[in-house]
Amino acid sequence: MKPLRTAIIGCGHFAHRHAERLAALEDVELVGFCDQVLENAAAYNQRYAGGQARIYEDLRRMFEELDLALVYICVPPYAHTNEVELACRHGVHFLIEKPIALTMEAALGMADQVKASGVKSQVGFMYRYGDATLWLKRYIQDASVNGRAFLFAWYACNALHSPWWRERTKSGGQLVEQVIHLFDLARFFLGEPVRVYSMQENLFHRDVADYTVEDASGTVVRFDCGGIATFAASNGAIPGRWDYGMQVVLPGLTAHLEDANHAVFHHTAQAWRATTTIAGEKDVHLAETLDLLAAIRDDRPTAVPIEEGVRSLRLVLAAAQSAEQDAPVDIADEGDEYIPYIRPLPGSPR
């Protein structure tokens, strides 16, 4: 199989994580880099393609000239325009970083375009691929949980981030842009949510100009299965650290996830103390890319297609709405169809 002609859209800080992995794969050829700042695209070209790729400011022109098979969409949420539309029109598979949009209208439009075109899509919820994450997912699938699940998660950092991140109209807020990863994991474990209540406040950055996102929040979610989840998040914690974790209480098991690869599982249905420890070293960013490449090669669905980006976005946008209204919000399907197949676990045998 010839290497997939691949381009990166958005050559900022985060895209380095994808570029360095793509550059190391034999079945990928990096042929294009696109950014509003041409110097950024040129720097990526030198670093990851030895200067042999083409650089663009004009996204439409890149799609017309490069005969692409795959693109990675790594632009900030507010900067999403027609990347997915152009990929679908040209039959180009893609990975898109979260959140896929800042409105449900835009997200559902993306999903419709993907469905009509038949291209493979992957959303950058890489925590789903972790060794500890997959161990717990398989336990939930195999055990008789029947909705008896309580999950609580936390996310803590302390940074001003990029200027666009601090503006709610550009990032959507800390839950929408950052903590969405944990809300997505909760969906991965417990299924679809039906109601959310969130309180959000700026407690620590009131003297920072143009800081309009929340830096402290508490959110409760009820799921259709009957389970409950709580989330605590702050951007006023320890500088230079991005800490997260999750505890899941189930019949016979309490799981302490330190991160996607590391967890201690306490087996609570036994009279004696018993634990299972997972200490994986999986590169979750590489894992999501390998899943996408295999889906293209084998003509099968990815583990985290665009519809998953739609549903997790719906949940965090509902949380933002709840905070604004100071009231619980019921989560509607808004007409999107559920996928008619059972999606395989990330990294599981096909």
Protein backbone atom coordinates (compact mmCIF):
# COMPACT_ATOMS: atom_id res chain seq x y z
CA MET A 1 0.00 0.00 0.00
CA LYS A 2 1.37 3.39 -1.01
CA PRO A 3 1.90 5.92 1.79
CA LEU A 4 -1.12 8.11 2.47
CA ARG A 5 -0.57 11.65 1.26
CA THR A 6 -1.23 13.64 4.41
CA ALA A 7 -1.49 17.30 5.39
CA ILE A 8 -1.79 19.16 8.68
CA ILE A 9 -4.19 22.09 9.02
CA GLY A 10 -3.21 24.39 11.86
CA CYS A 11 0.50 24.43 12.65
CA GLY A 12 0.38 25.67 16.22
CA HIS A 13 1.55 24.25 19.52
CA PHE A 14 -0.66 21.17 19.77
CA ALA A 15 -0.18 19.90 16.22
CA HIS A 16 3.42 18.97 17.03
CA ARG A 17 2.09 15.91 18.87
CA HIS A 18 0.53 14.60 15.69
CA ALA A 19 3.24 15.75 13.29
CA GLU A 20 6.08 13.95 15.06
CA ARG A 21 4.13 10.68 15.09
CA LEU A 22 2.99 10.96 11.49
CA ALA A 23 6.53 11.76 10.33
CA ALA A 24 7.78 8.50 11.87
CA LEU A 25 5.24 6.25 10.08
CA GLU A 26 6.20 4.49 6.85
CA ASP A 27 2.61 4.41 5.55
CA VAL A 28 2.22 8.20 5.83
CA GLU A 29 3.82 10.89 3.66
CA LEU A 30 3.54 14.45 4.94
CA VAL A 31 3.03 16.53 1.78
CA GLY A 32 1.33 19.70 3.03
CA PHE A 33 1.08 22.14 5.92
CA CYS A 34 -1.51 24.91 6.13
CA ASP A 35 -1.66 27.79 8.59
CA GLN A 36 -2.87 31.38 8.58
CA VAL A 37 0.69 32.32 9.51
CA LEU A 38 2.79 31.00 6.63
CA GLU A 39 5.94 31.03 8.76
CA ASN A 40 4.35 28.42 11.04
CA ALA A 41 3.64 26.13 8.10
CA ALA A 42 7.19 26.61 6.83
CA ALA A 43 8.65 25.69 10.22
CA TYR A 44 6.59 22.47 10.30
CA ASN A 45 7.70 21.67 6.76
CA GLN A 46 11.36 21.95 7.70
CA ARG A 47 11.03 20.02 10.93
CA TYR A 48 8.75 17.16 9.86
CA ALA A 49 9.13 16.88 6.06
CA GLY A 50 12.71 18.01 5.50
CA GLY A 51 11.40 20.98 3.52
CA GLN A 52 9.95 18.65 0.85
CA ALA A 53 6.25 19.35 1.49
CA ARG A 54 4.23 22.33 0.27
CA ILE A 55 3.03 25.12 2.52
CA TYR A 56 -0.23 27.03 2.29
CA GLU A 57 -2.26 29.83 3.76
CA ASP A 58 -5.21 29.04 1.47
CA LEU A 59 -6.95 25.86 2.64
CA ARG A 60 -9.10 25.48 -0.46
CA ARG A 61 -6.07 25.72 -2.72
CA MET A 62 -4.28 23.02 -0.74
CA PHE A 63 -7.14 20.57 -1.20
CA GLU A 64 -7.31 21.34 -4.92
CA GLU A 65 -3.59 20.90 -5.59
CA LEU A 66 -2.28 18.10 -3.37
CA ASP A 67 -4.43 15.01 -4.09
CA LEU A 68 -4.64 14.23 -0.38
CA ALA A 69 -5.78 11.03 1.30
CA LEU A 70 -5.70 12.26 4.92
CA VAL A 71 -5.69 15.53 6.88
CA TYR A 72 -5.25 16.38 10.53
CA ILE A 73 -7.39 19.35 11.61
CA CYS A 74 -5.68 21.06 14.54
CA VAL A 75 -7.14 24.57 14.57
CA PRO A 76 -8.64 26.20 17.70
CA PRO A 77 -12.41 25.77 18.12
CA TYR A 78 -13.29 29.33 17.07
CA ALA A 79 -11.21 29.00 13.89
CA HIS A 80 -13.13 26.05 12.44
CA THR A 81 -14.57 27.05 9.09
CA ASN A 82 -14.90 24.67 6.14
CA GLU A 83 -12.12 22.13 6.86
CA VAL A 84 -14.50 19.18 7.23
CA GLU A 85 -16.62 20.28 4.29
CA LEU A 86 -13.58 20.43 2.01
CA ALA A 87 -12.25 17.10 3.26
CA CYS A 88 -15.58 15.43 2.57
CA ARG A 89 -15.95 17.08 -0.84
CA HIS A 90 -12.49 15.83 -1.89
CA GLY A 91 -12.90 12.36 -0.34
CA VAL A 92 -10.15 12.96 2.23
CA HIS A 93 -10.20 11.11 5.55
CA PHE A 94 -9.46 13.19 8.64
CA LEU A 95 -8.70 13.45 12.33
CA ILE A 96 -10.19 16.48 14.04
CA GLU A 97 -9.22 17.77 17.46
CA LYS A 98 -11.81 18.42 20.14
CA PRO A 99 -14.08 20.26 20.55
CA ILE A 100 -15.15 19.80 16.96
CA ALA A 101 -17.21 23.02 17.05
CA LEU A 102 -18.70 25.56 19.42
CA THR A 103 -22.34 25.08 18.37
CA MET A 104 -24.50 22.01 17.86
CA GLU A 105 -25.60 23.35 14.48
CA ALA A 106 -22.01 23.34 13.22
CA ALA A 107 -21.24 19.93 14.76
CA LEU A 108 -24.32 18.25 13.30
CA GLY A 109 -23.52 19.78 9.93
CA MET A 110 -20.08 18.16 10.06
CA ALA A 111 -21.59 14.78 10.93
CA ASP A 112 -24.04 15.04 8.01
CA GLN A 113 -21.20 15.85 5.60
CA VAL A 114 -19.16 12.88 6.80
CA LYS A 115 -22.12 10.52 6.52
CA ALA A 116 -22.90 11.68 2.98
CA SER A 117 -19.28 11.44 1.80
CA GLY A 118 -18.27 8.14 3.39
CA VAL A 119 -14.85 9.40 4.50
CA LYS A 120 -13.33 8.04 7.71
CA SER A 121 -13.36 10.45 10.64
CA GLN A 122 -11.58 10.34 13.96
CA VAL A 123 -12.02 12.73 16.91
CA GLY A 124 -9.03 13.36 19.17
CA PHE A 125 -10.36 11.76 22.34
CA MET A 126 -7.11 9.88 22.89
CA TYR A 127 -7.84 8.94 26.53
CA ARG A 128 -10.18 6.22 25.23
CA TYR A 129 -7.13 4.29 24.03
CA GLY A 130 -5.32 4.06 27.37
CA ASP A 131 -4.60 0.65 28.88
CA ALA A 132 -6.41 1.46 32.14
CA THR A 133 -9.36 2.97 30.26
CA LEU A 134 -9.80 -0.14 28.14
CA TRP A 135 -9.50 -2.49 31.13
CA LEU A 136 -12.35 -0.68 32.87
CA LYS A 137 -14.47 -0.50 29.73
CA ARG A 138 -14.20 -4.26 29.25
CA TYR A 139 -15.11 -4.85 32.90
CA ILE A 140 -18.25 -2.73 32.54
CA GLN A 141 -19.22 -4.58 29.36
CA ASP A 142 -18.71 -7.99 30.96
CA ALA A 143 -20.13 -7.32 34.44
CA SER A 144 -23.79 -6.97 35.40
CA VAL A 145 -23.57 -3.30 36.21
CA ASN A 146 -27.13 -2.45 35.09
CA GLY A 147 -26.67 1.26 35.58
CA ARG A 148 -25.29 0.98 39.10
CA ALA A 149 -22.39 3.33 38.57
CA PHE A 150 -21.08 6.42 40.29
CA LEU A 151 -18.23 8.32 38.68
CA PHE A 152 -16.40 11.37 39.91
CA ALA A 153 -13.60 13.10 38.06
CA TRP A 154 -11.36 16.12 38.52
CA TYR A 155 -9.18 18.32 36.38
CA ALA A 156 -6.82 20.94 37.77
CA CYS A 157 -4.29 23.32 36.23
CA ASN A 158 -3.15 26.92 36.56
CA ALA A 159 -2.13 28.70 33.38
CA LEU A 160 -3.26 31.65 31.32
CA HIS A 161 -3.03 29.53 28.15
CA SER A 162 -3.32 31.26 24.78
CA PRO A 163 -5.29 34.53 24.57
CA TRP A 164 -8.08 32.85 22.58
CA TRP A 165 -8.48 30.19 25.28
CA ARG A 166 -9.41 32.81 27.89
CA GLU A 167 -12.33 34.13 25.84
CA ARG A 168 -15.55 32.13 26.08
CA THR A 169 -16.65 33.12 22.59
CA LYS A 170 -13.47 31.55 21.17
CA SER A 171 -12.89 28.47 23.37
CA GLY A 172 -16.28 27.79 24.89
CA GLY A 173 -14.76 27.70 28.39
CA GLN A 174 -12.62 25.27 30.36
CA LEU A 175 -15.20 22.47 30.30
CA VAL A 176 -15.90 22.81 26.58
CA GLU A 177 -12.29 23.10 25.42
CA GLN A 178 -10.33 21.15 28.03
CA VAL A 179 -12.35 19.05 30.46
CA ILE A 180 -14.42 17.64 27.60
CA HIS A 181 -11.92 14.76 27.65
CA LEU A 182 -13.27 13.59 31.02
CA PHE A 183 -16.90 14.08 30.01
CA ASP A 184 -16.15 11.97 26.95
CA LEU A 185 -14.64 9.22 29.13
CA ALA A 186 -17.76 9.26 31.29
CA ARG A 187 -19.84 8.71 28.16
CA PHE A 188 -17.46 5.95 27.08
CA PHE A 189 -18.04 4.16 30.39
CA LEU A 190 -21.69 4.97 31.21
CA GLY A 191 -23.42 5.69 27.92
CA GLU A 192 -25.56 8.68 26.99
CA PRO A 193 -26.45 11.48 29.44
CA VAL A 194 -29.98 12.75 29.96
CA ARG A 195 -29.62 15.66 32.43
CA VAL A 196 -26.84 17.98 33.58
CA TYR A 197 -26.53 20.67 36.24
CA SER A 198 -23.40 22.80 36.37
CA MET A 199 -22.16 25.74 38.43
CA GLN A 200 -19.27 27.71 36.93
CA GLU A 201 -17.44 30.79 38.16
CA ASN A 202 -14.35 32.92 37.60
CA LEU A 203 -12.80 32.91 41.07
CA PHE A 204 -9.10 33.40 40.41
CA HIS A 205 -8.68 35.53 37.28
CA ARG A 206 -11.01 38.46 37.76
CA ASP A 207 -8.13 40.91 37.36
CA VAL A 208 -7.01 39.39 34.02
CA ALA A 209 -8.24 41.37 31.03
CA ASP A 210 -10.46 39.44 28.59
CA TYR A 211 -10.57 36.38 30.87
CA THR A 212 -14.23 35.43 30.38
CA VAL A 213 -14.13 31.64 30.87
CA GLU A 214 -14.77 29.83 34.14
CA ASP A 215 -11.81 28.79 36.29
CA ALA A 216 -13.82 26.78 38.82
CA SER A 217 -16.77 24.50 38.20
CA GLY A 218 -18.82 21.68 39.63
CA THR A 219 -21.05 19.58 37.39
CA VAL A 220 -23.44 16.68 37.98
CA VAL A 221 -24.65 14.43 35.15
CA ARG A 222 -27.35 11.75 35.16
CA PHE A 223 -27.10 9.07 32.49
CA ASP A 224 -29.81 7.14 30.71
CA CYS A 225 -28.54 3.93 32.34
CA GLY A 226 -29.29 5.42 35.78
CA GLY A 227 -25.67 6.17 36.70
CA ILE A 228 -24.49 9.50 38.08
CA ALA A 229 -21.24 11.39 37.50
CA THR A 230 -19.74 14.48 39.11
CA PHE A 231 -16.94 16.64 37.74
CA ALA A 232 -14.78 19.23 39.49
CA ALA A 233 -12.46 21.45 37.47
CA SER A 234 -10.26 24.45 38.14
CA ASN A 235 -7.70 26.64 36.43
CA GLY A 236 -6.54 28.04 39.75
CA ALA A 237 -4.55 25.09 41.06
CA ILE A 238 -0.82 24.27 40.80
CA PRO A 239 1.08 26.25 38.12
CA GLY A 240 2.84 24.20 35.47
CA ARG A 241 0.79 21.06 36.13
CA TRP A 242 -2.19 19.55 34.36
CA ASP A 243 -3.62 17.01 36.78
CA TYR A 244 -6.65 14.82 36.23
CA GLY A 245 -8.08 11.66 37.65
CA MET A 246 -11.23 9.64 37.98
CA GLN A 247 -12.87 7.22 40.40
CA VAL A 248 -15.62 4.88 39.29
CA VAL A 249 -17.68 2.94 41.83
CA LEU A 250 -19.38 -0.17 40.45
CA PRO A 251 -20.87 -3.35 41.92
CA GLY A 252 -17.83 -5.37 42.99
CA LEU A 253 -15.25 -2.86 41.78
CA THR A 254 -13.96 0.57 42.65
CA ALA A 255 -11.58 1.99 40.07
CA HIS A 256 -8.98 4.69 40.76
CA LEU A 257 -7.70 6.04 37.43
CA GLU A 258 -4.61 8.19 37.79
CA ASP A 259 -4.60 8.71 34.04
CA ALA A 260 -5.61 6.79 30.92
CA ASN A 261 -2.78 4.27 31.33
CA HIS A 262 -2.50 3.93 35.12
CA ALA A 263 -5.10 2.67 37.57
CA VAL A 264 -5.71 0.54 40.62
CA PHE A 265 -8.88 -1.55 40.58
CA HIS A 266 -10.19 -2.63 43.99
CA HIS A 267 -12.31 -5.80 43.89
CA THR A 268 -14.89 -5.08 46.58
CA ALA A 269 -17.14 -8.13 46.32
CA GLN A 270 -14.54 -10.33 48.05
CA ALA A 271 -13.98 -10.78 51.76
CA TRP A 272 -10.22 -10.45 51.33
CA ARG A 273 -8.36 -7.48 49.91
CA ALA A 274 -7.69 -7.83 46.19
CA THR A 275 -6.54 -5.34 43.63
CA THR A 276 -5.57 -5.23 39.98
CA THR A 277 -2.98 -2.67 38.95
CA ILE A 278 -2.59 -1.41 35.40
CA ALA A 279 0.58 0.52 34.60
CA GLY A 280 0.62 0.94 30.84
CA GLU A 281 2.97 2.98 28.70
CA LYS A 282 0.84 3.22 25.58
CA ASP A 283 1.29 6.29 23.40
CA VAL A 284 -2.39 7.23 23.19
CA HIS A 285 -1.83 9.82 20.45
CA LEU A 286 -0.12 7.20 18.31
CA ALA A 287 -2.87 4.70 19.12
CA GLU A 288 -5.62 6.95 17.77
CA THR A 289 -3.62 7.52 14.59
CA LEU A 290 -2.97 3.80 14.08
CA ASP A 291 -6.68 3.12 14.55
CA LEU A 292 -7.51 5.69 11.88
CA LEU A 293 -4.95 4.28 9.45
CA ALA A 294 -6.26 0.75 9.99
CA ALA A 295 -9.83 1.95 9.43
CA ILE A 296 -8.79 3.48 6.10
CA ARG A 297 -6.84 0.38 5.07
CA ASP A 298 -9.51 -2.14 6.13
CA ASP A 299 -12.53 0.01 5.21
CA ARG A 300 -14.09 -0.18 8.64
CA PRO A 301 -15.27 2.41 11.18
CA THR A 302 -12.86 4.17 13.49
CA ALA A 303 -13.28 3.77 17.23
CA VAL A 304 -14.08 7.47 17.75
CA PRO A 305 -15.90 8.81 14.67
CA ILE A 306 -17.37 12.29 14.26
CA GLU A 307 -20.63 11.28 15.96
CA GLU A 308 -18.73 10.82 19.22
CA GLY A 309 -17.47 14.39 18.91
CA VAL A 310 -21.06 15.54 18.42
CA ARG A 311 -22.37 13.76 21.52
CA SER A 312 -19.59 14.83 23.87
CA LEU A 313 -19.89 18.40 22.62
CA ARG A 314 -23.64 18.29 23.27
CA LEU A 315 -22.98 17.32 26.89
CA VAL A 316 -20.48 20.11 27.66
CA LEU A 317 -22.55 22.74 25.84
CA ALA A 318 -25.53 21.65 27.93
CA ALA A 319 -23.35 22.08 31.04
CA ALA A 320 -22.46 25.61 29.93
CA GLN A 321 -26.13 26.36 29.34
CA SER A 322 -26.99 25.01 32.77
CA ALA A 323 -24.43 27.26 34.44
CA GLU A 324 -25.74 30.28 32.59
CA GLN A 325 -29.34 29.51 33.59
CA ASP A 326 -28.47 28.18 37.06
CA ALA A 327 -30.81 25.26 36.43
CA PRO A 328 -30.65 21.63 35.30
CA VAL A 329 -30.75 21.07 31.54
CA ASP A 330 -32.23 18.03 29.84
CA ILE A 331 -30.11 16.74 26.97
CA ALA A 332 -31.98 16.10 23.73
CA ASP A 333 -30.76 14.05 20.79
CA GLU A 334 -31.48 16.92 18.39
CA GLY A 335 -32.15 14.51 15.57
CA ASP A 336 -28.78 12.85 15.08
CA GLU A 337 -28.93 9.14 14.42
CA TYR A 338 -27.15 6.65 16.63
CA ILE A 339 -24.60 4.47 14.87
CA PRO A 340 -26.26 1.19 13.87
CA TYR A 341 -23.20 -0.96 14.62
CA ILE A 342 -21.41 -1.86 17.83
CA ARG A 343 -18.20 0.11 17.68
CA PRO A 344 -15.07 -1.91 18.56
CA LEU A 345 -12.95 -0.88 21.51
CA PRO A 346 -9.92 1.22 20.60
CA GLY A 347 -6.96 -1.06 19.96
CA SER A 348 -9.00 -4.26 20.16
CA PRO A 349 -8.57 -7.02 17.56
CA ARG A 350 -10.70 -6.65 14.43
